[in-house]
Amino acid sequence: MVDNGAAGGSDAVTIYRTTDAGRRWVLLARSPTPAGRPGTRGAPSVGCEKTGFSFSGPAQGWITGYCAMGMVLQESVDGGRIWRETGIRVDDWGIDEFPPRFFGPETGVMAGGVGTRTGVDDTVFTTTDAGVRWIAHRPPRATSGPIDVISGTTWLIARGETLYLTRDAGADWTTIRSSLPLGSIDASALDFVNASDGWALTFTPDLAGTLWHTTDGGRSWKQV
């Protein structure tokens, strides 16, 4: 997915596909651009900022994003040529989300945030019917920081020096004190391969990055 330009709360994108490891790319869909270039039939809508896209298989794909008063979740079932709004609704004030990860054809997990009058609370949305319905899950305490989806049932949410871990899709949460201020890092800079082994990327005010590694679930970290 390539960004074609954003303006006034709109965001035009183009979707390409490769079947030969990137040697050749075929255009699948293109949104109308703010400059007036026409789009393809059934292309992703221009409205709202896009946060990314993902596919659960060769046919079904998702584009996520956010607006001032809501979220964007568009779906394709033909490999990315035709896109439609899913109509998903959450009864809260202002939300955003990031591309879902699917663990099989039916089970998907999508990290996001639900806006409140005082800020944004981390929220994990799950589906067990290939995206027909999404259910919101929140940690026991309001958080606003990176979310890492490890599996369909195991997730990590960071706030400050605290990690919240669930291994049962949000039914129970374990609080872990961390030696690293994880809540201040970018949402895409926390990546665990399992509940114990993970990586984090922190940045200084001048954007110098430092890579960290943990083997005890985030309790202690070593600089790489």
C-alpha atoms as a PDB file:
ATOM      1  CA  MET A   1       0.000   0.000   0.000  1.00  0.00           C
ATOM      2  CA  VAL A   2       1.395   3.383  -1.101  1.00  0.00           C
ATOM      3  CA  ASP A   3       0.218   6.731   0.236  1.00  0.00           C
ATOM      4  CA  ASN A   4      -0.812   9.068  -2.577  1.00  0.00           C
ATOM      5  CA  GLY A   5      -1.167  12.149  -0.395  1.00  0.00           C
ATOM      6  CA  ALA A   6      -3.330  13.368   2.455  1.00  0.00           C
ATOM      7  CA  ALA A   7      -5.186  16.637   2.983  1.00  0.00           C
ATOM      8  CA  GLY A   8      -7.929  17.893   5.274  1.00  0.00           C
ATOM      9  CA  GLY A   9      -8.504  14.557   7.023  1.00  0.00           C
ATOM     10  CA  SER A  10      -8.430  12.533   3.781  1.00  0.00           C
ATOM     11  CA  ASP A  11      -5.832   9.964   2.737  1.00  0.00           C
ATOM     12  CA  ALA A  12      -5.612   8.463  -0.754  1.00  0.00           C
ATOM     13  CA  VAL A  13      -3.777   5.147  -1.207  1.00  0.00           C
ATOM     14  CA  THR A  14      -2.812   2.703  -3.955  1.00  0.00           C
ATOM     15  CA  ILE A  15      -2.686  -1.085  -3.513  1.00  0.00           C
ATOM     16  CA  TYR A  16      -0.166  -3.172  -5.477  1.00  0.00           C
ATOM     17  CA  ARG A  17       0.415  -6.922  -5.565  1.00  0.00           C
ATOM     18  CA  THR A  18       3.444  -9.060  -6.372  1.00  0.00           C
ATOM     19  CA  THR A  19       3.623 -12.812  -6.936  1.00  0.00           C
ATOM     20  CA  ASP A  20       7.348 -13.058  -7.722  1.00  0.00           C
ATOM     21  CA  ALA A  21       9.010 -11.768  -4.534  1.00  0.00           C
ATOM     22  CA  GLY A  22       8.820  -8.129  -5.588  1.00  0.00           C
ATOM     23  CA  ARG A  23      10.270  -8.251  -9.108  1.00  0.00           C
ATOM     24  CA  ARG A  24       7.027  -7.073 -10.678  1.00  0.00           C
ATOM     25  CA  TRP A  25       4.056  -5.271  -9.164  1.00  0.00           C
ATOM     26  CA  VAL A  26       0.477  -5.091 -10.447  1.00  0.00           C
ATOM     27  CA  LEU A  27      -1.878  -2.250  -9.548  1.00  0.00           C
ATOM     28  CA  LEU A  28      -5.013  -3.543  -7.844  1.00  0.00           C
ATOM     29  CA  ALA A  29      -6.786  -0.426  -6.556  1.00  0.00           C
ATOM     30  CA  ARG A  30      -6.187   3.330  -6.424  1.00  0.00           C
ATOM     31  CA  SER A  31      -8.134   5.929  -4.462  1.00  0.00           C
ATOM     32  CA  PRO A  32      -8.973   9.279  -6.068  1.00  0.00           C
ATOM     33  CA  THR A  33      -6.230  11.747  -5.121  1.00  0.00           C
ATOM     34  CA  PRO A  34      -6.701  15.188  -3.506  1.00  0.00           C
ATOM     35  CA  ALA A  35      -5.291  16.661  -6.734  1.00  0.00           C
ATOM     36  CA  GLY A  36      -8.193  15.216  -8.724  1.00  0.00           C
ATOM     37  CA  ARG A  37      -6.702  12.070 -10.245  1.00  0.00           C
ATOM     38  CA  PRO A  38      -9.521   9.518 -10.641  1.00  0.00           C
ATOM     39  CA  GLY A  39      -9.462   6.236  -8.787  1.00  0.00           C
ATOM     40  CA  THR A  40     -10.297   2.688  -9.808  1.00  0.00           C
ATOM     41  CA  ARG A  41     -13.739   1.172  -9.281  1.00  0.00           C
ATOM     42  CA  GLY A  42     -14.265   0.042  -5.701  1.00  0.00           C
ATOM     43  CA  ALA A  43     -10.996   1.578  -4.491  1.00  0.00           C
ATOM     44  CA  PRO A  44     -10.383   2.340  -0.794  1.00  0.00           C
ATOM     45  CA  SER A  45     -12.289   5.410   0.369  1.00  0.00           C
ATOM     46  CA  VAL A  46     -10.333   8.643   0.627  1.00  0.00           C
ATOM     47  CA  GLY A  47     -11.777   9.736   3.975  1.00  0.00           C
ATOM     48  CA  CYS A  48      -9.751   9.511   7.202  1.00  0.00           C
ATOM     49  CA  GLU A  49      -6.077   8.806   7.899  1.00  0.00           C
ATOM     50  CA  LYS A  50      -4.929   5.255   7.082  1.00  0.00           C
ATOM     51  CA  THR A  51      -2.800   3.340   9.613  1.00  0.00           C
ATOM     52  CA  GLY A  52      -1.986   0.330   7.437  1.00  0.00           C
ATOM     53  CA  PHE A  53      -3.331  -2.844   5.846  1.00  0.00           C
ATOM     54  CA  SER A  54      -3.092  -6.601   6.219  1.00  0.00           C
ATOM     55  CA  PHE A  55      -4.444  -9.777   4.631  1.00  0.00           C
ATOM     56  CA  SER A  56      -5.767 -12.864   6.391  1.00  0.00           C
ATOM     57  CA  GLY A  57      -5.366 -14.921   3.208  1.00  0.00           C
ATOM     58  CA  PRO A  58      -5.054 -14.490  -0.566  1.00  0.00           C
ATOM     59  CA  ALA A  59      -8.558 -13.006  -0.849  1.00  0.00           C
ATOM     60  CA  GLN A  60      -9.528 -11.236   2.390  1.00  0.00           C
ATOM     61  CA  GLY A  61      -7.784  -7.987   3.304  1.00  0.00           C
ATOM     62  CA  TRP A  62      -8.259  -5.076   5.696  1.00  0.00           C
ATOM     63  CA  ILE A  63      -7.382  -1.365   5.726  1.00  0.00           C
ATOM     64  CA  THR A  64      -7.442   0.441   9.068  1.00  0.00           C
ATOM     65  CA  GLY A  65      -7.373   4.085  10.059  1.00  0.00           C
ATOM     66  CA  TYR A  66      -8.950   6.810  12.136  1.00  0.00           C
ATOM     67  CA  CYS A  67     -10.984  10.007  11.977  1.00  0.00           C
ATOM     68  CA  ALA A  68     -11.678  12.675  14.582  1.00  0.00           C
ATOM     69  CA  MET A  69     -14.865  10.916  15.677  1.00  0.00           C
ATOM     70  CA  GLY A  70     -14.404   7.313  14.682  1.00  0.00           C
ATOM     71  CA  MET A  71     -12.458   4.535  13.023  1.00  0.00           C
ATOM     72  CA  VAL A  72     -11.957   3.232   9.513  1.00  0.00           C
ATOM     73  CA  LEU A  73     -12.153  -0.481   8.793  1.00  0.00           C
ATOM     74  CA  GLN A  74     -12.451  -1.441   5.133  1.00  0.00           C
ATOM     75  CA  GLU A  75     -12.530  -5.001   3.809  1.00  0.00           C
ATOM     76  CA  SER A  76     -11.695  -6.668   0.509  1.00  0.00           C
ATOM     77  CA  VAL A  77     -12.740 -10.228  -0.343  1.00  0.00           C
ATOM     78  CA  ASP A  78     -11.311 -10.390  -3.860  1.00  0.00           C
ATOM     79  CA  GLY A  79      -7.608  -9.991  -3.170  1.00  0.00           C
ATOM     80  CA  GLY A  80      -7.553  -6.200  -2.874  1.00  0.00           C
ATOM     81  CA  ARG A  81      -9.359  -4.888  -5.939  1.00  0.00           C
ATOM     82  CA  ILE A  82     -12.724  -3.956  -4.421  1.00  0.00           C
ATOM     83  CA  TRP A  83     -12.987  -2.440  -0.918  1.00  0.00           C
ATOM     84  CA  ARG A  84     -16.011  -1.670   1.232  1.00  0.00           C
ATOM     85  CA  GLU A  85     -16.677  -0.113   4.615  1.00  0.00           C
ATOM     86  CA  THR A  86     -17.390  -2.871   7.135  1.00  0.00           C
ATOM     87  CA  GLY A  87     -19.861  -0.867   9.187  1.00  0.00           C
ATOM     88  CA  ILE A  88     -18.166  -1.806  12.456  1.00  0.00           C
ATOM     89  CA  ARG A  89     -19.259   0.465  15.299  1.00  0.00           C
ATOM     90  CA  VAL A  90     -18.026   0.894  18.860  1.00  0.00           C
ATOM     91  CA  ASP A  91     -20.115   2.924  21.284  1.00  0.00           C
ATOM     92  CA  ASP A  92     -17.342   5.223  22.481  1.00  0.00           C
ATOM     93  CA  TRP A  93     -16.043   8.666  21.588  1.00  0.00           C
ATOM     94  CA  GLY A  94     -13.414   8.521  18.852  1.00  0.00           C
ATOM     95  CA  ILE A  95     -11.349   5.411  18.167  1.00  0.00           C
ATOM     96  CA  ASP A  96      -8.457   4.260  15.994  1.00  0.00           C
ATOM     97  CA  GLU A  97      -6.949   0.892  15.222  1.00  0.00           C
ATOM     98  CA  PHE A  98      -4.082  -0.846  13.445  1.00  0.00           C
ATOM     99  CA  PRO A  99      -4.168  -3.674  10.885  1.00  0.00           C
ATOM    100  CA  PRO A 100      -5.469  -6.950  12.332  1.00  0.00           C
ATOM    101  CA  ARG A 101      -3.425 -10.127  12.577  1.00  0.00           C
ATOM    102  CA  PHE A 102      -5.197 -13.364  11.746  1.00  0.00           C
ATOM    103  CA  PHE A 103      -4.362 -16.736  13.271  1.00  0.00           C
ATOM    104  CA  GLY A 104      -6.261 -18.984  10.895  1.00  0.00           C
ATOM    105  CA  PRO A 105      -9.164 -18.055   8.605  1.00  0.00           C
ATOM    106  CA  GLU A 106     -11.590 -17.035  11.382  1.00  0.00           C
ATOM    107  CA  THR A 107      -9.627 -15.713  14.378  1.00  0.00           C
ATOM    108  CA  GLY A 108      -8.226 -12.176  14.197  1.00  0.00           C
ATOM    109  CA  VAL A 109      -6.865  -9.642  16.683  1.00  0.00           C
ATOM    110  CA  MET A 110      -6.735  -5.884  16.104  1.00  0.00           C
ATOM    111  CA  ALA A 111      -4.972  -3.380  18.380  1.00  0.00           C
ATOM    112  CA  GLY A 112      -6.419   0.071  18.802  1.00  0.00           C
ATOM    113  CA  GLY A 113      -7.521   2.778  21.153  1.00  0.00           C
ATOM    114  CA  VAL A 114     -10.893   4.032  22.352  1.00  0.00           C
ATOM    115  CA  GLY A 115     -11.090   7.735  23.004  1.00  0.00           C
ATOM    116  CA  THR A 116     -12.465   9.134  26.243  1.00  0.00           C
ATOM    117  CA  ARG A 117     -12.964  12.676  27.484  1.00  0.00           C
ATOM    118  CA  THR A 118      -9.559  12.479  29.190  1.00  0.00           C
ATOM    119  CA  GLY A 119      -7.490  10.625  26.603  1.00  0.00           C
ATOM    120  CA  VAL A 120      -7.254   7.340  24.706  1.00  0.00           C
ATOM    121  CA  ASP A 121      -7.563   3.922  26.354  1.00  0.00           C
ATOM    122  CA  ASP A 122      -5.812   0.926  24.809  1.00  0.00           C
ATOM    123  CA  THR A 123      -8.269  -1.601  23.404  1.00  0.00           C
ATOM    124  CA  VAL A 124      -7.875  -4.968  21.674  1.00  0.00           C
ATOM    125  CA  PHE A 125     -10.610  -6.040  19.249  1.00  0.00           C
ATOM    126  CA  THR A 126     -11.093  -9.725  18.431  1.00  0.00           C
ATOM    127  CA  THR A 127     -13.112 -11.660  15.892  1.00  0.00           C
ATOM    128  CA  THR A 128     -13.832 -15.389  15.657  1.00  0.00           C
ATOM    129  CA  ASP A 129     -15.966 -15.198  12.504  1.00  0.00           C
ATOM    130  CA  ALA A 130     -13.542 -13.723   9.943  1.00  0.00           C
ATOM    131  CA  GLY A 131     -14.391 -10.133  10.821  1.00  0.00           C
ATOM    132  CA  VAL A 132     -18.184 -10.201  10.739  1.00  0.00           C
ATOM    133  CA  ARG A 133     -18.217  -9.122  14.406  1.00  0.00           C
ATOM    134  CA  TRP A 134     -15.500  -7.546  16.552  1.00  0.00           C
ATOM    135  CA  ILE A 135     -15.462  -7.583  20.367  1.00  0.00           C
ATOM    136  CA  ALA A 136     -13.561  -4.961  22.400  1.00  0.00           C
ATOM    137  CA  HIS A 137     -11.301  -5.990  25.313  1.00  0.00           C
ATOM    138  CA  ARG A 138      -9.541  -3.642  27.739  1.00  0.00           C
ATOM    139  CA  PRO A 139      -6.934  -4.198  30.464  1.00  0.00           C
ATOM    140  CA  PRO A 140      -8.032  -3.855  34.115  1.00  0.00           C
ATOM    141  CA  ARG A 141      -6.630  -0.313  34.275  1.00  0.00           C
ATOM    142  CA  ALA A 142      -6.817   2.413  31.643  1.00  0.00           C
ATOM    143  CA  THR A 143      -3.649   2.406  29.531  1.00  0.00           C
ATOM    144  CA  SER A 144      -2.331   4.329  26.561  1.00  0.00           C
ATOM    145  CA  GLY A 145       0.817   2.841  25.082  1.00  0.00           C
ATOM    146  CA  PRO A 146       2.187   0.198  22.708  1.00  0.00           C
ATOM    147  CA  ILE A 147       0.155  -2.980  22.147  1.00  0.00           C
ATOM    148  CA  ASP A 148       1.763  -6.178  20.881  1.00  0.00           C
ATOM    149  CA  VAL A 149      -0.351  -9.077  19.623  1.00  0.00           C
ATOM    150  CA  ILE A 150       1.668 -12.259  20.164  1.00  0.00           C
ATOM    151  CA  SER A 151      -1.041 -14.792  19.318  1.00  0.00           C
ATOM    152  CA  GLY A 152      -4.798 -15.008  19.091  1.00  0.00           C
ATOM    153  CA  THR A 153      -5.032 -15.124  22.890  1.00  0.00           C
ATOM    154  CA  THR A 154      -1.736 -13.652  24.176  1.00  0.00           C
ATOM    155  CA  TRP A 155      -1.294  -9.857  24.141  1.00  0.00           C
ATOM    156  CA  LEU A 156       0.949  -7.287  25.826  1.00  0.00           C
ATOM    157  CA  ILE A 157       0.030  -3.686  26.602  1.00  0.00           C
ATOM    158  CA  ALA A 158       2.633  -1.232  27.939  1.00  0.00           C
ATOM    159  CA  ARG A 159       2.179   1.903  30.002  1.00  0.00           C
ATOM    160  CA  GLY A 160       5.123   3.657  31.606  1.00  0.00           C
ATOM    161  CA  GLU A 161       7.156   0.957  33.337  1.00  0.00           C
ATOM    162  CA  THR A 162       4.260  -1.505  33.555  1.00  0.00           C
ATOM    163  CA  LEU A 163       3.355  -4.319  31.173  1.00  0.00           C
ATOM    164  CA  TYR A 164      -0.088  -5.907  31.171  1.00  0.00           C
ATOM    165  CA  LEU A 165      -0.062  -9.499  29.875  1.00  0.00           C
ATOM    166  CA  THR A 166      -3.012 -11.712  29.050  1.00  0.00           C
ATOM    167  CA  ARG A 167      -2.782 -15.325  27.887  1.00  0.00           C
ATOM    168  CA  ASP A 168      -6.536 -15.954  27.633  1.00  0.00           C
ATOM    169  CA  ALA A 169      -7.798 -13.214  25.301  1.00  0.00           C
ATOM    170  CA  GLY A 170      -8.365 -10.638  28.002  1.00  0.00           C
ATOM    171  CA  ALA A 171     -10.186 -12.724  30.607  1.00  0.00           C
ATOM    172  CA  ASP A 172      -7.269 -12.373  33.063  1.00  0.00           C
ATOM    173  CA  TRP A 173      -4.359  -9.923  33.121  1.00  0.00           C
ATOM    174  CA  THR A 174      -0.940 -10.141  34.810  1.00  0.00           C
ATOM    175  CA  THR A 175       0.884  -6.948  35.816  1.00  0.00           C
ATOM    176  CA  ILE A 176       4.648  -6.926  35.137  1.00  0.00           C
ATOM    177  CA  ARG A 177       6.998  -4.215  36.373  1.00  0.00           C
ATOM    178  CA  SER A 178       9.545  -3.403  33.686  1.00  0.00           C
ATOM    179  CA  SER A 179      12.971  -1.768  33.882  1.00  0.00           C
ATOM    180  CA  LEU A 180      12.292   0.099  30.632  1.00  0.00           C
ATOM    181  CA  PRO A 181       9.777   2.992  30.200  1.00  0.00           C
ATOM    182  CA  LEU A 182       7.825   1.220  27.466  1.00  0.00           C
ATOM    183  CA  GLY A 183       4.834   3.530  27.451  1.00  0.00           C
ATOM    184  CA  SER A 184       6.857   6.270  25.803  1.00  0.00           C
ATOM    185  CA  ILE A 185       7.878   4.284  22.708  1.00  0.00           C
ATOM    186  CA  ASP A 186       6.095   4.110  19.383  1.00  0.00           C
ATOM    187  CA  ALA A 187       3.309   1.557  19.012  1.00  0.00           C
ATOM    188  CA  SER A 188       5.190  -0.307  16.277  1.00  0.00           C
ATOM    189  CA  ALA A 189       8.432  -0.553  18.282  1.00  0.00           C
ATOM    190  CA  LEU A 190       7.419  -3.362  20.666  1.00  0.00           C
ATOM    191  CA  ASP A 191       7.610  -6.901  19.301  1.00  0.00           C
ATOM    192  CA  PHE A 192       7.487 -10.164  21.280  1.00  0.00           C
ATOM    193  CA  VAL A 193       7.911 -13.576  19.642  1.00  0.00           C
ATOM    194  CA  ASN A 194       6.345 -15.227  22.703  1.00  0.00           C
ATOM    195  CA  ALA A 195       5.377 -14.182  26.229  1.00  0.00           C
ATOM    196  CA  SER A 196       9.036 -14.217  27.359  1.00  0.00           C
ATOM    197  CA  ASP A 197      11.233 -13.197  24.419  1.00  0.00           C
ATOM    198  CA  GLY A 198      10.782  -9.682  23.044  1.00  0.00           C
ATOM    199  CA  TRP A 199      12.325  -6.565  21.522  1.00  0.00           C
ATOM    200  CA  ALA A 200      11.759  -2.844  22.008  1.00  0.00           C
ATOM    201  CA  LEU A 201      13.048   0.234  20.209  1.00  0.00           C
ATOM    202  CA  THR A 202      13.336   3.482  22.148  1.00  0.00           C
ATOM    203  CA  PHE A 203      14.168   6.937  20.855  1.00  0.00           C
ATOM    204  CA  THR A 204      15.862   9.991  22.324  1.00  0.00           C
ATOM    205  CA  PRO A 205      14.448  13.509  21.672  1.00  0.00           C
ATOM    206  CA  ASP A 206      16.802  13.827  18.674  1.00  0.00           C
ATOM    207  CA  LEU A 207      15.406  10.515  17.307  1.00  0.00           C
ATOM    208  CA  ALA A 208      18.477   8.388  18.010  1.00  0.00           C
ATOM    209  CA  GLY A 209      17.232   4.803  18.385  1.00  0.00           C
ATOM    210  CA  THR A 210      18.261   2.101  20.847  1.00  0.00           C
ATOM    211  CA  LEU A 211      17.307  -1.571  20.487  1.00  0.00           C
ATOM    212  CA  TRP A 212      16.559  -3.591  23.649  1.00  0.00           C
ATOM    213  CA  HIS A 213      16.013  -7.314  24.230  1.00  0.00           C
ATOM    214  CA  THR A 214      14.259  -9.201  27.037  1.00  0.00           C
ATOM    215  CA  THR A 215      14.056 -12.913  27.782  1.00  0.00           C
ATOM    216  CA  ASP A 216      11.971 -12.702  30.974  1.00  0.00           C
ATOM    217  CA  GLY A 217       8.746 -11.198  29.704  1.00  0.00           C
ATOM    218  CA  GLY A 218       9.830  -7.575  29.949  1.00  0.00           C
ATOM    219  CA  ARG A 219      10.957  -7.484  33.559  1.00  0.00           C
ATOM    220  CA  SER A 220      14.566  -6.751  32.599  1.00  0.00           C
ATOM    221  CA  TRP A 221      16.092  -5.515  29.345  1.00  0.00           C
ATOM    222  CA  LYS A 222      19.571  -5.525  27.802  1.00  0.00           C
ATOM    223  CA  GLN A 223      20.750  -3.080  25.178  1.00  0.00           C
ATOM    224  CA  VAL A 224      21.667  -4.788  21.913  1.00  0.00           C
END
